Amino acid sequence: MSHLSTLVASAVGQKAAATILDILEIDPALSAETEGPVSRAVFAMALTAVLFHDVMNRVPMGAAYVADRRAEGHKILFDHGALRTIDFGAGPDRRPARRPQGLRPDS
């Protein structure tokens, strides 16, 4: 089993992982990684796949679009998952400090 499959299955289960990974257009190199440490690219793709699974469960119109495209024989290129990093700076009540959207500490 690839690192990608293992990571996605650990978050959503074997059956859902197999479905998601079949739906998404994924670079074959990411699906082929099986040995050594998990690369950042594979980890990022696993996060993207899990986010996609969540979106399909929460957004009926998105799921309908995917079903229509799949019925036509297309894979889905999920190219914009909104993942954020959290700055655990000292907020007033120990919550993460907020930053304006789109800014990262290294920008």
PDB file of N, CA and C in Angstrom:
ATOM      1  N   MET A   1       0.855  -1.179   0.000  1.00  0.00           N
ATOM      2  CA  MET A   1       0.000   0.000   0.000  1.00  0.00           C
ATOM      3  C   MET A   1       0.900   1.241   0.000  1.00  0.00           C
ATOM      4  N   SER A   2       0.514   2.256  -0.744  1.00  0.00           N
ATOM      5  CA  SER A   2       1.309   3.479  -0.833  1.00  0.00           C
ATOM      6  C   SER A   2       1.171   4.315   0.437  1.00  0.00           C
ATOM      7  N   HIS A   3       2.139   5.203   0.638  1.00  0.00           N
ATOM      8  CA  HIS A   3       2.045   6.132   1.768  1.00  0.00           C
ATOM      9  C   HIS A   3       0.757   6.946   1.665  1.00  0.00           C
ATOM     10  N   LEU A   4       0.424   7.373   0.452  1.00  0.00           N
ATOM     11  CA  LEU A   4      -0.767   8.189   0.255  1.00  0.00           C
ATOM     12  C   LEU A   4      -2.022   7.437   0.690  1.00  0.00           C
ATOM     13  N   SER A   5      -2.172   6.214   0.238  1.00  0.00           N
ATOM     14  CA  SER A   5      -3.337   5.409   0.616  1.00  0.00           C
ATOM     15  C   SER A   5      -3.407   5.202   2.118  1.00  0.00           C
ATOM     16  N   THR A   6      -2.266   4.907   2.717  1.00  0.00           N
ATOM     17  CA  THR A   6      -2.215   4.670   4.157  1.00  0.00           C
ATOM     18  C   THR A   6      -2.630   5.912   4.942  1.00  0.00           C
ATOM     19  N   LEU A   7      -2.107   7.061   4.556  1.00  0.00           N
ATOM     20  CA  LEU A   7      -2.444   8.300   5.261  1.00  0.00           C
ATOM     21  C   LEU A   7      -3.927   8.635   5.131  1.00  0.00           C
ATOM     22  N   VAL A   8      -4.446   8.574   3.908  1.00  0.00           N
ATOM     23  CA  VAL A   8      -5.860   8.920   3.703  1.00  0.00           C
ATOM     24  C   VAL A   8      -6.756   7.924   4.430  1.00  0.00           C
ATOM     25  N   ALA A   9      -6.446   6.641   4.345  1.00  0.00           N
ATOM     26  CA  ALA A   9      -7.255   5.619   5.021  1.00  0.00           C
ATOM     27  C   ALA A   9      -7.229   5.797   6.534  1.00  0.00           C
ATOM     28  N   SER A  10      -6.116   6.262   7.080  1.00  0.00           N
ATOM     29  CA  SER A  10      -6.046   6.456   8.529  1.00  0.00           C
ATOM     30  C   SER A  10      -6.986   7.562   8.991  1.00  0.00           C
ATOM     31  N   ALA A  11      -7.343   8.467   8.103  1.00  0.00           N
ATOM     32  CA  ALA A  11      -8.236   9.578   8.453  1.00  0.00           C
ATOM     33  C   ALA A  11      -9.695   9.292   8.134  1.00  0.00           C
ATOM     34  N   VAL A  12      -9.960   8.573   7.039  1.00  0.00           N
ATOM     35  CA  VAL A  12     -11.358   8.420   6.595  1.00  0.00           C
ATOM     36  C   VAL A  12     -11.798   6.968   6.440  1.00  0.00           C
ATOM     37  N   GLY A  13     -10.890   6.013   6.638  1.00  0.00           N
ATOM     38  CA  GLY A  13     -11.223   4.603   6.462  1.00  0.00           C
ATOM     39  C   GLY A  13     -10.850   4.111   5.071  1.00  0.00           C
ATOM     40  N   GLN A  14     -10.665   2.776   4.976  1.00  0.00           N
ATOM     41  CA  GLN A  14     -10.213   2.146   3.728  1.00  0.00           C
ATOM     42  C   GLN A  14     -11.138   2.400   2.548  1.00  0.00           C
ATOM     43  N   LYS A  15     -12.428   2.162   2.746  1.00  0.00           N
ATOM     44  CA  LYS A  15     -13.384   2.271   1.639  1.00  0.00           C
ATOM     45  C   LYS A  15     -13.463   3.701   1.103  1.00  0.00           C
ATOM     46  N   ALA A  16     -13.606   4.657   2.017  1.00  0.00           N
ATOM     47  CA  ALA A  16     -13.681   6.057   1.592  1.00  0.00           C
ATOM     48  C   ALA A  16     -12.377   6.496   0.927  1.00  0.00           C
ATOM     49  N   ALA A  17     -11.243   6.043   1.471  1.00  0.00           N
ATOM     50  CA  ALA A  17      -9.950   6.404   0.878  1.00  0.00           C
ATOM     51  C   ALA A  17      -9.847   5.881  -0.551  1.00  0.00           C
ATOM     52  N   ALA A  18     -10.250   4.646  -0.764  1.00  0.00           N
ATOM     53  CA  ALA A  18     -10.190   4.072  -2.113  1.00  0.00           C
ATOM     54  C   ALA A  18     -11.064   4.870  -3.076  1.00  0.00           C
ATOM     55  N   THR A  19     -12.237   5.268  -2.625  1.00  0.00           N
ATOM     56  CA  THR A  19     -13.148   6.055  -3.460  1.00  0.00           C
ATOM     57  C   THR A  19     -12.548   7.413  -3.793  1.00  0.00           C
ATOM     58  N   ILE A  20     -12.057   8.108  -2.769  1.00  0.00           N
ATOM     59  CA  ILE A  20     -11.477   9.442  -2.970  1.00  0.00           C
ATOM     60  C   ILE A  20     -10.289   9.375  -3.927  1.00  0.00           C
ATOM     61  N   LEU A  21      -9.407   8.424  -3.685  1.00  0.00           N
ATOM     62  CA  LEU A  21      -8.199   8.345  -4.507  1.00  0.00           C
ATOM     63  C   LEU A  21      -8.503   7.924  -5.937  1.00  0.00           C
ATOM     64  N   ASP A  22      -9.638   7.289  -6.152  1.00  0.00           N
ATOM     65  CA  ASP A  22     -10.066   6.957  -7.509  1.00  0.00           C
ATOM     66  C   ASP A  22     -10.691   8.163  -8.202  1.00  0.00           C
ATOM     67  N   ILE A  23     -11.352   9.016  -7.446  1.00  0.00           N
ATOM     68  CA  ILE A  23     -12.020  10.202  -8.004  1.00  0.00           C
ATOM     69  C   ILE A  23     -11.016  11.281  -8.408  1.00  0.00           C
ATOM     70  N   LEU A  24     -10.017  11.496  -7.561  1.00  0.00           N
ATOM     71  CA  LEU A  24      -9.099  12.614  -7.770  1.00  0.00           C
ATOM     72  C   LEU A  24      -8.029  12.319  -8.812  1.00  0.00           C
ATOM     73  N   GLU A  25      -7.676  13.346  -9.552  1.00  0.00           N
ATOM     74  CA  GLU A  25      -6.543  13.302 -10.482  1.00  0.00           C
ATOM     75  C   GLU A  25      -5.287  13.498  -9.642  1.00  0.00           C
ATOM     76  N   ILE A  26      -4.466  12.468  -9.550  1.00  0.00           N
ATOM     77  CA  ILE A  26      -3.291  12.502  -8.682  1.00  0.00           C
ATOM     78  C   ILE A  26      -2.058  12.122  -9.499  1.00  0.00           C
ATOM     79  N   ASP A  27      -1.001  12.881  -9.333  1.00  0.00           N
ATOM     80  CA  ASP A  27       0.257  12.568 -10.018  1.00  0.00           C
ATOM     81  C   ASP A  27       0.670  11.151  -9.640  1.00  0.00           C
ATOM     82  N   PRO A  28       0.943  10.303 -10.611  1.00  0.00           N
ATOM     83  CA  PRO A  28       1.311   8.908 -10.324  1.00  0.00           C
ATOM     84  C   PRO A  28       2.492   8.755  -9.360  1.00  0.00           C
ATOM     85  N   ALA A  29       3.411   9.699  -9.372  1.00  0.00           N
ATOM     86  CA  ALA A  29       4.555   9.610  -8.465  1.00  0.00           C
ATOM     87  C   ALA A  29       4.113   9.677  -7.005  1.00  0.00           C
ATOM     88  N   LEU A  30       3.053  10.414  -6.729  1.00  0.00           N
ATOM     89  CA  LEU A  30       2.559  10.520  -5.355  1.00  0.00           C
ATOM     90  C   LEU A  30       1.924   9.210  -4.906  1.00  0.00           C
ATOM     91  N   SER A  31       1.247   8.547  -5.822  1.00  0.00           N
ATOM     92  CA  SER A  31       0.613   7.266  -5.502  1.00  0.00           C
ATOM     93  C   SER A  31       1.616   6.127  -5.435  1.00  0.00           C
ATOM     94  N   ALA A  32       2.789   6.317  -6.014  1.00  0.00           N
ATOM     95  CA  ALA A  32       3.785   5.246  -6.075  1.00  0.00           C
ATOM     96  C   ALA A  32       4.716   5.209  -4.866  1.00  0.00           C
ATOM     97  N   GLU A  33       4.748   6.275  -4.086  1.00  0.00           N
ATOM     98  CA  GLU A  33       5.681   6.325  -2.955  1.00  0.00           C
ATOM     99  C   GLU A  33       5.265   5.310  -1.883  1.00  0.00           C
ATOM    100  N   THR A  34       6.163   4.373  -1.583  1.00  0.00           N
ATOM    101  CA  THR A  34       5.848   3.326  -0.607  1.00  0.00           C
ATOM    102  C   THR A  34       6.925   3.129   0.449  1.00  0.00           C
ATOM    103  N   GLU A  35       8.109   3.626   0.218  1.00  0.00           N
ATOM    104  CA  GLU A  35       9.216   3.369   1.139  1.00  0.00           C
ATOM    105  C   GLU A  35       9.821   4.666   1.644  1.00  0.00           C
ATOM    106  N   GLY A  36      10.512   4.547   2.759  1.00  0.00           N
ATOM    107  CA  GLY A  36      11.181   5.702   3.340  1.00  0.00           C
ATOM    108  C   GLY A  36      10.195   6.619   4.023  1.00  0.00           C
ATOM    109  N   PRO A  37      10.691   7.767   4.434  1.00  0.00           N
ATOM    110  CA  PRO A  37       9.790   8.722   5.093  1.00  0.00           C
ATOM    111  C   PRO A  37       8.771   9.280   4.098  1.00  0.00           C
ATOM    112  N   VAL A  38       7.646   9.697   4.597  1.00  0.00           N
ATOM    113  CA  VAL A  38       6.605  10.301   3.759  1.00  0.00           C
ATOM    114  C   VAL A  38       7.100  11.663   3.285  1.00  0.00           C
ATOM    115  N   SER A  39       7.037  11.890   1.985  1.00  0.00           N
ATOM    116  CA  SER A  39       7.468  13.181   1.442  1.00  0.00           C
ATOM    117  C   SER A  39       6.437  14.258   1.758  1.00  0.00           C
ATOM    118  N   ARG A  40       6.883  15.501   1.717  1.00  0.00           N
ATOM    119  CA  ARG A  40       5.954  16.615   1.954  1.00  0.00           C
ATOM    120  C   ARG A  40       4.867  16.642   0.888  1.00  0.00           C
ATOM    121  N   ALA A  41       5.220  16.309  -0.347  1.00  0.00           N
ATOM    122  CA  ALA A  41       4.233  16.315  -1.433  1.00  0.00           C
ATOM    123  C   ALA A  41       3.139  15.285  -1.177  1.00  0.00           C
ATOM    124  N   VAL A  42       3.516  14.093  -0.726  1.00  0.00           N
ATOM    125  CA  VAL A  42       2.523  13.055  -0.434  1.00  0.00           C
ATOM    126  C   VAL A  42       1.673  13.470   0.763  1.00  0.00           C
ATOM    127  N   PHE A  43       2.298  14.029   1.778  1.00  0.00           N
ATOM    128  CA  PHE A  43       1.536  14.474   2.950  1.00  0.00           C
ATOM    129  C   PHE A  43       0.533  15.556   2.551  1.00  0.00           C
ATOM    130  N   ALA A  44       0.963  16.496   1.713  1.00  0.00           N
ATOM    131  CA  ALA A  44       0.064  17.559   1.248  1.00  0.00           C
ATOM    132  C   ALA A  44      -1.085  16.977   0.429  1.00  0.00           C
ATOM    133  N   MET A  45      -0.804  15.995  -0.425  1.00  0.00           N
ATOM    134  CA  MET A  45      -1.866  15.366  -1.215  1.00  0.00           C
ATOM    135  C   MET A  45      -2.834  14.620  -0.314  1.00  0.00           C
ATOM    136  N   ALA A  46      -2.323  13.966   0.732  1.00  0.00           N
ATOM    137  CA  ALA A  46      -3.202  13.268   1.675  1.00  0.00           C
ATOM    138  C   ALA A  46      -4.133  14.263   2.372  1.00  0.00           C
ATOM    139  N   LEU A  47      -3.602  15.400   2.788  1.00  0.00           N
ATOM    140  CA  LEU A  47      -4.440  16.433   3.406  1.00  0.00           C
ATOM    141  C   LEU A  47      -5.493  16.932   2.416  1.00  0.00           C
ATOM    142  N   THR A  48      -5.089  17.114   1.177  1.00  0.00           N
ATOM    143  CA  THR A  48      -6.017  17.563   0.137  1.00  0.00           C
ATOM    144  C   THR A  48      -7.132  16.541  -0.064  1.00  0.00           C
ATOM    145  N   ALA A  49      -6.776  15.262  -0.106  1.00  0.00           N
ATOM    146  CA  ALA A  49      -7.782  14.210  -0.297  1.00  0.00           C
ATOM    147  C   ALA A  49      -8.769  14.161   0.859  1.00  0.00           C
ATOM    148  N   VAL A  50      -8.273  14.306   2.081  1.00  0.00           N
ATOM    149  CA  VAL A  50      -9.156  14.292   3.253  1.00  0.00           C
ATOM    150  C   VAL A  50     -10.054  15.531   3.252  1.00  0.00           C
ATOM    151  N   LEU A  51      -9.499  16.678   2.877  1.00  0.00           N
ATOM    152  CA  LEU A  51     -10.312  17.897   2.756  1.00  0.00           C
ATOM    153  C   LEU A  51     -11.391  17.715   1.697  1.00  0.00           C
ATOM    154  N   PHE A  52     -11.018  17.128   0.572  1.00  0.00           N
ATOM    155  CA  PHE A  52     -11.987  16.868  -0.496  1.00  0.00           C
ATOM    156  C   PHE A  52     -13.117  15.970   0.021  1.00  0.00           C
ATOM    157  N   HIS A  53     -12.781  14.923   0.747  1.00  0.00           N
ATOM    158  CA  HIS A  53     -13.783  14.020   1.332  1.00  0.00           C
ATOM    159  C   HIS A  53     -14.744  14.801   2.221  1.00  0.00           C
ATOM    160  N   ASP A  54     -14.202  15.672   3.053  1.00  0.00           N
ATOM    161  CA  ASP A  54     -15.030  16.484   3.944  1.00  0.00           C
ATOM    162  C   ASP A  54     -15.959  17.411   3.156  1.00  0.00           C
ATOM    163  N   VAL A  55     -15.414  18.056   2.134  1.00  0.00           N
ATOM    164  CA  VAL A  55     -16.222  18.966   1.313  1.00  0.00           C
ATOM    165  C   VAL A  55     -17.365  18.202   0.633  1.00  0.00           C
ATOM    166  N   MET A  56     -17.076  17.021   0.121  1.00  0.00           N
ATOM    167  CA  MET A  56     -18.121  16.231  -0.543  1.00  0.00           C
ATOM    168  C   MET A  56     -19.222  15.826   0.427  1.00  0.00           C
ATOM    169  N   ASN A  57     -18.886  15.651   1.691  1.00  0.00           N
ATOM    170  CA  ASN A  57     -19.898  15.310   2.695  1.00  0.00           C
ATOM    171  C   ASN A  57     -20.696  16.520   3.156  1.00  0.00           C
ATOM    172  N   ARG A  58     -20.122  17.715   3.041  1.00  0.00           N
ATOM    173  CA  ARG A  58     -20.799  18.909   3.551  1.00  0.00           C
ATOM    174  C   ARG A  58     -21.433  19.787   2.483  1.00  0.00           C
ATOM    175  N   VAL A  59     -21.072  19.596   1.223  1.00  0.00           N
ATOM    176  CA  VAL A  59     -21.554  20.488   0.162  1.00  0.00           C
ATOM    177  C   VAL A  59     -22.269  19.668  -0.910  1.00  0.00           C
ATOM    178  N   PRO A  60     -23.596  19.544  -0.786  1.00  0.00           N
ATOM    179  CA  PRO A  60     -24.352  18.720  -1.730  1.00  0.00           C
ATOM    180  C   PRO A  60     -24.169  19.115  -3.196  1.00  0.00           C
ATOM    181  N   MET A  61     -24.084  20.407  -3.493  1.00  0.00           N
ATOM    182  CA  MET A  61     -23.908  20.834  -4.885  1.00  0.00           C
ATOM    183  C   MET A  61     -22.540  20.407  -5.413  1.00  0.00           C
ATOM    184  N   GLY A  62     -21.528  20.439  -4.557  1.00  0.00           N
ATOM    185  CA  GLY A  62     -20.203  19.977  -4.951  1.00  0.00           C
ATOM    186  C   GLY A  62     -20.208  18.485  -5.236  1.00  0.00           C
ATOM    187  N   ALA A  63     -20.877  17.730  -4.372  1.00  0.00           N
ATOM    188  CA  ALA A  63     -20.971  16.275  -4.568  1.00  0.00           C
ATOM    189  C   ALA A  63     -21.739  15.952  -5.850  1.00  0.00           C
ATOM    190  N   ALA A  64     -22.776  16.730  -6.139  1.00  0.00           N
ATOM    191  CA  ALA A  64     -23.550  16.512  -7.367  1.00  0.00           C
ATOM    192  C   ALA A  64     -22.700  16.798  -8.607  1.00  0.00           C
ATOM    193  N   TYR A  65     -21.908  17.875  -8.543  1.00  0.00           N
ATOM    194  CA  TYR A  65     -21.013  18.206  -9.653  1.00  0.00           C
ATOM    195  C   TYR A  65     -20.018  17.065  -9.889  1.00  0.00           C
ATOM    196  N   VAL A  66     -19.424  16.578  -8.807  1.00  0.00           N
ATOM    197  CA  VAL A  66     -18.454  15.484  -8.920  1.00  0.00           C
ATOM    198  C   VAL A  66     -19.119  14.246  -9.503  1.00  0.00           C
ATOM    199  N   ALA A  67     -20.321  13.933  -9.045  1.00  0.00           N
ATOM    200  CA  ALA A  67     -21.050  12.761  -9.566  1.00  0.00           C
ATOM    201  C   ALA A  67     -21.310  12.912 -11.065  1.00  0.00           C
ATOM    202  N   ASP A  68     -21.703  14.106 -11.495  1.00  0.00           N
ATOM    203  CA  ASP A  68     -21.940  14.348 -12.919  1.00  0.00           C
ATOM    204  C   ASP A  68     -20.664  14.178 -13.737  1.00  0.00           C
ATOM    205  N   ARG A  69     -19.572  14.750 -13.270  1.00  0.00           N
ATOM    206  CA  ARG A  69     -18.300  14.649 -13.984  1.00  0.00           C
ATOM    207  C   ARG A  69     -17.814  13.200 -14.039  1.00  0.00           C
ATOM    208  N   ARG A  70     -17.983  12.474 -12.935  1.00  0.00           N
ATOM    209  CA  ARG A  70     -17.574  11.072 -12.891  1.00  0.00           C
ATOM    210  C   ARG A  70     -18.422  10.232 -13.848  1.00  0.00           C
ATOM    211  N   ALA A  71     -19.714  10.549 -13.941  1.00  0.00           N
ATOM    212  CA  ALA A  71     -20.603   9.824 -14.854  1.00  0.00           C
ATOM    213  C   ALA A  71     -20.159  10.015 -16.301  1.00  0.00           C
ATOM    214  N   GLU A  72     -19.514  11.152 -16.577  1.00  0.00           N
ATOM    215  CA  GLU A  72     -18.982  11.423 -17.919  1.00  0.00           C
ATOM    216  C   GLU A  72     -17.579  10.850 -18.096  1.00  0.00           C
ATOM    217  N   GLY A  73     -17.063  10.176 -17.069  1.00  0.00           N
ATOM    218  CA  GLY A  73     -15.767   9.533 -17.167  1.00  0.00           C
ATOM    219  C   GLY A  73     -14.568  10.395 -16.794  1.00  0.00           C
ATOM    220  N   HIS A  74     -14.810  11.525 -16.161  1.00  0.00           N
ATOM    221  CA  HIS A  74     -13.726  12.444 -15.807  1.00  0.00           C
ATOM    222  C   HIS A  74     -13.250  12.234 -14.373  1.00  0.00           C
ATOM    223  N   LYS A  75     -11.969  12.475 -14.157  1.00  0.00           N
ATOM    224  CA  LYS A  75     -11.422  12.568 -12.810  1.00  0.00           C
ATOM    225  C   LYS A  75     -11.545  14.022 -12.373  1.00  0.00           C
ATOM    226  N   ILE A  76     -11.393  14.263 -11.082  1.00  0.00           N
ATOM    227  CA  ILE A  76     -11.522  15.611 -10.543  1.00  0.00           C
ATOM    228  C   ILE A  76     -10.149  16.126 -10.140  1.00  0.00           C
ATOM    229  N   LEU A  77      -9.810  17.319 -10.632  1.00  0.00           N
ATOM    230  CA  LEU A  77      -8.577  17.985 -10.236  1.00  0.00           C
ATOM    231  C   LEU A  77      -8.947  18.975  -9.142  1.00  0.00           C
ATOM    232  N   PHE A  78      -8.695  18.598  -7.915  1.00  0.00           N
ATOM    233  CA  PHE A  78      -9.010  19.443  -6.756  1.00  0.00           C
ATOM    234  C   PHE A  78      -7.798  20.320  -6.510  1.00  0.00           C
ATOM    235  N   ASP A  79      -7.827  21.516  -7.072  1.00  0.00           N
ATOM    236  CA  ASP A  79      -6.625  22.341  -7.082  1.00  0.00           C
ATOM    237  C   ASP A  79      -6.647  23.505  -6.110  1.00  0.00           C
ATOM    238  N   HIS A  80      -7.664  23.583  -5.279  1.00  0.00           N
ATOM    239  CA  HIS A  80      -7.688  24.716  -4.356  1.00  0.00           C
ATOM    240  C   HIS A  80      -8.348  24.326  -3.039  1.00  0.00           C
ATOM    241  N   GLY A  81      -7.592  23.675  -2.200  1.00  0.00           N
ATOM    242  CA  GLY A  81      -8.059  23.389  -0.856  1.00  0.00           C
ATOM    243  C   GLY A  81      -7.524  24.467   0.059  1.00  0.00           C
ATOM    244  N   ALA A  82      -8.366  25.038   0.871  1.00  0.00           N
ATOM    245  CA  ALA A  82      -7.947  26.134   1.748  1.00  0.00           C
ATOM    246  C   ALA A  82      -7.470  25.587   3.088  1.00  0.00           C
ATOM    247  N   LEU A  83      -6.185  25.337   3.174  1.00  0.00           N
ATOM    248  CA  LEU A  83      -5.584  24.914   4.433  1.00  0.00           C
ATOM    249  C   LEU A  83      -4.842  26.112   5.011  1.00  0.00           C
ATOM    250  N   ARG A  84      -4.940  26.294   6.301  1.00  0.00           N
ATOM    251  CA  ARG A  84      -4.272  27.426   6.935  1.00  0.00           C
ATOM    252  C   ARG A  84      -3.265  26.930   7.960  1.00  0.00           C
ATOM    253  N   THR A  85      -2.222  27.705   8.115  1.00  0.00           N
ATOM    254  CA  THR A  85      -1.315  27.451   9.211  1.00  0.00           C
ATOM    255  C   THR A  85      -1.767  28.300  10.383  1.00  0.00           C
ATOM    256  N   ILE A  86      -1.474  27.838  11.574  1.00  0.00           N
ATOM    257  CA  ILE A  86      -1.890  28.553  12.776  1.00  0.00           C
ATOM    258  C   ILE A  86      -0.645  29.082  13.473  1.00  0.00           C
ATOM    259  N   ASP A  87      -0.694  30.340  13.809  1.00  0.00           N
ATOM    260  CA  ASP A  87       0.379  30.953  14.582  1.00  0.00           C
ATOM    261  C   ASP A  87       0.006  30.809  16.048  1.00  0.00           C
ATOM    262  N   PHE A  88       0.774  30.033  16.783  1.00  0.00           N
ATOM    263  CA  PHE A  88       0.473  29.842  18.194  1.00  0.00           C
ATOM    264  C   PHE A  88       1.166  30.906  19.042  1.00  0.00           C
ATOM    265  N   GLY A  89       1.098  32.146  18.565  1.00  0.00           N
ATOM    266  CA  GLY A  89       1.632  33.263  19.329  1.00  0.00           C
ATOM    267  C   GLY A  89       0.772  33.513  20.551  1.00  0.00           C
ATOM    268  N   ALA A  90       1.197  34.422  21.377  1.00  0.00           N
ATOM    269  CA  ALA A  90       0.473  34.694  22.621  1.00  0.00           C
ATOM    270  C   ALA A  90      -0.719  35.602  22.358  1.00  0.00           C
ATOM    271  N   GLY A  91      -1.883  34.994  22.181  1.00  0.00           N
ATOM    272  CA  GLY A  91      -3.116  35.760  22.080  1.00  0.00           C
ATOM    273  C   GLY A  91      -3.552  36.186  23.474  1.00  0.00           C
ATOM    274  N   PRO A  92      -4.497  37.107  23.579  1.00  0.00           N
ATOM    275  CA  PRO A  92      -4.885  37.633  24.891  1.00  0.00           C
ATOM    276  C   PRO A  92      -5.415  36.573  25.859  1.00  0.00           C
ATOM    277  N   ASP A  93      -6.054  35.540  25.340  1.00  0.00           N
ATOM    278  CA  ASP A  93      -6.590  34.503  26.233  1.00  0.00           C
ATOM    279  C   ASP A  93      -6.048  33.128  25.871  1.00  0.00           C
ATOM    280  N   ARG A  94      -4.777  33.083  25.470  1.00  0.00           N
ATOM    281  CA  ARG A  94      -4.054  31.860  25.124  1.00  0.00           C
ATOM    282  C   ARG A  94      -4.562  31.202  23.847  1.00  0.00           C
ATOM    283  N   ARG A  95      -5.460  31.851  23.113  1.00  0.00           N
ATOM    284  CA  ARG A  95      -5.874  31.354  21.803  1.00  0.00           C
ATOM    285  C   ARG A  95      -4.809  31.740  20.783  1.00  0.00           C
ATOM    286  N   PRO A  96      -4.786  31.018  19.658  1.00  0.00           N
ATOM    287  CA  PRO A  96      -3.821  31.414  18.629  1.00  0.00           C
ATOM    288  C   PRO A  96      -4.053  32.851  18.187  1.00  0.00           C
ATOM    289  N   ALA A  97      -2.975  33.578  18.008  1.00  0.00           N
ATOM    290  CA  ALA A  97      -3.073  34.947  17.517  1.00  0.00           C
ATOM    291  C   ALA A  97      -3.644  34.927  16.102  1.00  0.00           C
ATOM    292  N   ARG A  98      -4.427  35.923  15.759  1.00  0.00           N
ATOM    293  CA  ARG A  98      -5.018  35.993  14.412  1.00  0.00           C
ATOM    294  C   ARG A  98      -4.122  36.819  13.513  1.00  0.00           C
ATOM    295  N   ARG A  99      -4.097  36.439  12.252  1.00  0.00           N
ATOM    296  CA  ARG A  99      -3.377  37.190  11.232  1.00  0.00           C
ATOM    297  C   ARG A  99      -4.368  37.502  10.119  1.00  0.00           C
ATOM    298  N   PRO A 100      -4.160  38.608   9.417  1.00  0.00           N
ATOM    299  CA  PRO A 100      -5.020  38.872   8.260  1.00  0.00           C
ATOM    300  C   PRO A 100      -4.930  37.711   7.281  1.00  0.00           C
ATOM    301  N   GLN A 101      -6.058  37.354   6.694  1.00  0.00           N
ATOM    302  CA  GLN A 101      -6.096  36.238   5.763  1.00  0.00           C
ATOM    303  C   GLN A 101      -5.093  36.441   4.633  1.00  0.00           C
ATOM    304  N   GLY A 102      -4.371  35.386   4.305  1.00  0.00           N
ATOM    305  CA  GLY A 102      -3.428  35.440   3.209  1.00  0.00           C
ATOM    306  C   GLY A 102      -2.015  35.786   3.621  1.00  0.00           C
ATOM    307  N   LEU A 103      -1.824  36.204   4.871  1.00  0.00           N
ATOM    308  CA  LEU A 103      -0.474  36.514   5.330  1.00  0.00           C
ATOM    309  C   LEU A 103       0.083  35.362   6.138  1.00  0.00           C
ATOM    310  N   ARG A 104       1.325  35.052   5.897  1.00  0.00           N
ATOM    311  CA  ARG A 104       1.999  33.998   6.646  1.00  0.00           C
ATOM    312  C   ARG A 104       3.167  34.639   7.383  1.00  0.00           C
ATOM    313  N   PRO A 105       3.624  34.016   8.454  1.00  0.00           N
ATOM    314  CA  PRO A 105       4.728  34.597   9.220  1.00  0.00           C
ATOM    315  C   PRO A 105       5.979  34.861   8.380  1.00  0.00           C
ATOM    316  N   ASP A 106       6.211  34.075   7.332  1.00  0.00           N
ATOM    317  CA  ASP A 106       7.419  34.263   6.543  1.00  0.00           C
ATOM    318  C   ASP A 106       7.229  35.193   5.352  1.00  0.00           C
ATOM    319  N   SER A 107       6.088  35.867   5.273  1.00  0.00           N
ATOM    320  CA  SER A 107       5.866  36.759   4.123  1.00  0.00           C
ATOM    321  C   SER A 107       6.193  38.189   4.476  1.00  0.00           C
TER     322      SER A 107
END
